[in-house]
Amino acid sequence: MNQTTSPNFPDDADNAQQALAGEYVLGTLSREERQAVDALLGSNPALRAAVDAWQQRLLPLVSLIEPVAPSQ
């Protein structure tokens, strides 16, 4: 079996989508890139699922951070 078709080795398109979803959730995209992803989310269920998975993966980290009041 070819490693690139194995479930343990996602194809390049899936890797790119996962990376895009992760960057979207982390907030590291430019405004234009974020707007492009926002436009795709309604029509691309796989991207929406990837974003949801990243949000669920990273959500527990929020509880590790102490809240900080903004400076005035």
C-alpha atoms as a PDB file:
ATOM      1  CA  MET A   1       0.000   0.000   0.000  1.00  0.00           C
ATOM      2  CA  ASN A   2       1.220   3.456  -0.873  1.00  0.00           C
ATOM      3  CA  GLN A   3       1.878   5.478   2.283  1.00  0.00           C
ATOM      4  CA  THR A   4       0.248   8.569   0.824  1.00  0.00           C
ATOM      5  CA  THR A   5      -3.095   6.757   0.511  1.00  0.00           C
ATOM      6  CA  SER A   6      -2.984   5.227   3.973  1.00  0.00           C
ATOM      7  CA  PRO A   7      -5.314   6.700   6.611  1.00  0.00           C
ATOM      8  CA  ASN A   8      -2.195   7.400   8.659  1.00  0.00           C
ATOM      9  CA  PHE A   9      -0.782   9.620   5.905  1.00  0.00           C
ATOM     10  CA  PRO A  10      -3.370  12.156   4.687  1.00  0.00           C
ATOM     11  CA  ASP A  11      -2.947  13.465   1.161  1.00  0.00           C
ATOM     12  CA  ASP A  12      -1.494  16.900   0.434  1.00  0.00           C
ATOM     13  CA  ALA A  13      -4.932  18.493  -0.011  1.00  0.00           C
ATOM     14  CA  ASP A  14      -6.015  17.296   3.429  1.00  0.00           C
ATOM     15  CA  ASN A  15      -2.738  18.489   4.950  1.00  0.00           C
ATOM     16  CA  ALA A  16      -3.188  21.910   3.374  1.00  0.00           C
ATOM     17  CA  GLN A  17      -6.777  22.119   4.591  1.00  0.00           C
ATOM     18  CA  GLN A  18      -5.754  21.122   8.113  1.00  0.00           C
ATOM     19  CA  ALA A  19      -2.992  23.737   8.116  1.00  0.00           C
ATOM     20  CA  LEU A  20      -5.390  26.406   6.858  1.00  0.00           C
ATOM     21  CA  ALA A  21      -7.973  25.491   9.493  1.00  0.00           C
ATOM     22  CA  GLY A  22      -5.343  25.575  12.237  1.00  0.00           C
ATOM     23  CA  GLU A  23      -4.070  28.985  11.148  1.00  0.00           C
ATOM     24  CA  TYR A  24      -7.660  30.249  10.982  1.00  0.00           C
ATOM     25  CA  VAL A  25      -8.411  29.085  14.535  1.00  0.00           C
ATOM     26  CA  LEU A  26      -5.120  30.436  15.875  1.00  0.00           C
ATOM     27  CA  GLY A  27      -5.752  33.795  14.210  1.00  0.00           C
ATOM     28  CA  THR A  28      -2.523  33.879  12.251  1.00  0.00           C
ATOM     29  CA  LEU A  29      -4.076  34.570   8.830  1.00  0.00           C
ATOM     30  CA  SER A  30      -4.071  37.986   7.231  1.00  0.00           C
ATOM     31  CA  ARG A  31      -7.408  39.785   7.035  1.00  0.00           C
ATOM     32  CA  GLU A  32      -7.749  38.837   3.369  1.00  0.00           C
ATOM     33  CA  GLU A  33      -6.945  35.183   4.039  1.00  0.00           C
ATOM     34  CA  ARG A  34      -9.400  35.093   6.963  1.00  0.00           C
ATOM     35  CA  GLN A  35     -12.130  36.629   4.793  1.00  0.00           C
ATOM     36  CA  ALA A  36     -11.463  34.013   2.121  1.00  0.00           C
ATOM     37  CA  VAL A  37     -11.789  31.209   4.668  1.00  0.00           C
ATOM     38  CA  ASP A  38     -14.963  32.794   6.082  1.00  0.00           C
ATOM     39  CA  ALA A  39     -16.425  32.761   2.571  1.00  0.00           C
ATOM     40  CA  LEU A  40     -15.547  29.071   2.131  1.00  0.00           C
ATOM     41  CA  LEU A  41     -16.881  27.827   5.466  1.00  0.00           C
ATOM     42  CA  GLY A  42     -20.531  27.884   4.401  1.00  0.00           C
ATOM     43  CA  SER A  43     -19.958  25.815   1.274  1.00  0.00           C
ATOM     44  CA  ASN A  44     -17.099  23.530   2.317  1.00  0.00           C
ATOM     45  CA  PRO A  45     -18.176  21.013   4.980  1.00  0.00           C
ATOM     46  CA  ALA A  46     -14.713  19.431   5.148  1.00  0.00           C
ATOM     47  CA  LEU A  47     -13.105  22.794   5.954  1.00  0.00           C
ATOM     48  CA  ARG A  48     -15.837  23.546   8.517  1.00  0.00           C
ATOM     49  CA  ALA A  49     -15.177  20.154  10.148  1.00  0.00           C
ATOM     50  CA  ALA A  50     -11.439  20.862  10.211  1.00  0.00           C
ATOM     51  CA  VAL A  51     -12.028  24.254  11.854  1.00  0.00           C
ATOM     52  CA  ASP A  52     -14.376  22.676  14.396  1.00  0.00           C
ATOM     53  CA  ALA A  53     -11.808  19.982  15.181  1.00  0.00           C
ATOM     54  CA  TRP A  54      -9.063  22.584  15.717  1.00  0.00           C
ATOM     55  CA  GLN A  55     -11.352  24.604  17.987  1.00  0.00           C
ATOM     56  CA  GLN A  56     -12.149  21.530  20.073  1.00  0.00           C
ATOM     57  CA  ARG A  57      -8.469  20.551  20.175  1.00  0.00           C
ATOM     58  CA  LEU A  58      -7.334  23.970  21.388  1.00  0.00           C
ATOM     59  CA  LEU A  59     -10.266  24.878  23.658  1.00  0.00           C
ATOM     60  CA  PRO A  60      -8.821  23.083  26.734  1.00  0.00           C
ATOM     61  CA  LEU A  61      -5.788  25.374  26.579  1.00  0.00           C
ATOM     62  CA  VAL A  62      -7.994  28.355  27.457  1.00  0.00           C
ATOM     63  CA  SER A  63      -8.452  27.017  30.988  1.00  0.00           C
ATOM     64  CA  LEU A  64      -4.672  27.133  31.509  1.00  0.00           C
ATOM     65  CA  ILE A  65      -4.485  30.906  31.056  1.00  0.00           C
ATOM     66  CA  GLU A  66      -5.144  33.376  33.843  1.00  0.00           C
ATOM     67  CA  PRO A  67      -7.393  36.239  32.750  1.00  0.00           C
ATOM     68  CA  VAL A  68      -5.671  39.596  32.448  1.00  0.00           C
ATOM     69  CA  ALA A  69      -7.531  42.889  32.702  1.00  0.00           C
ATOM     70  CA  PRO A  70      -6.761  45.246  29.842  1.00  0.00           C
ATOM     71  CA  SER A  71      -4.640  48.258  30.661  1.00  0.00           C
ATOM     72  CA  GLN A  72      -6.425  51.576  30.781  1.00  0.00           C
END
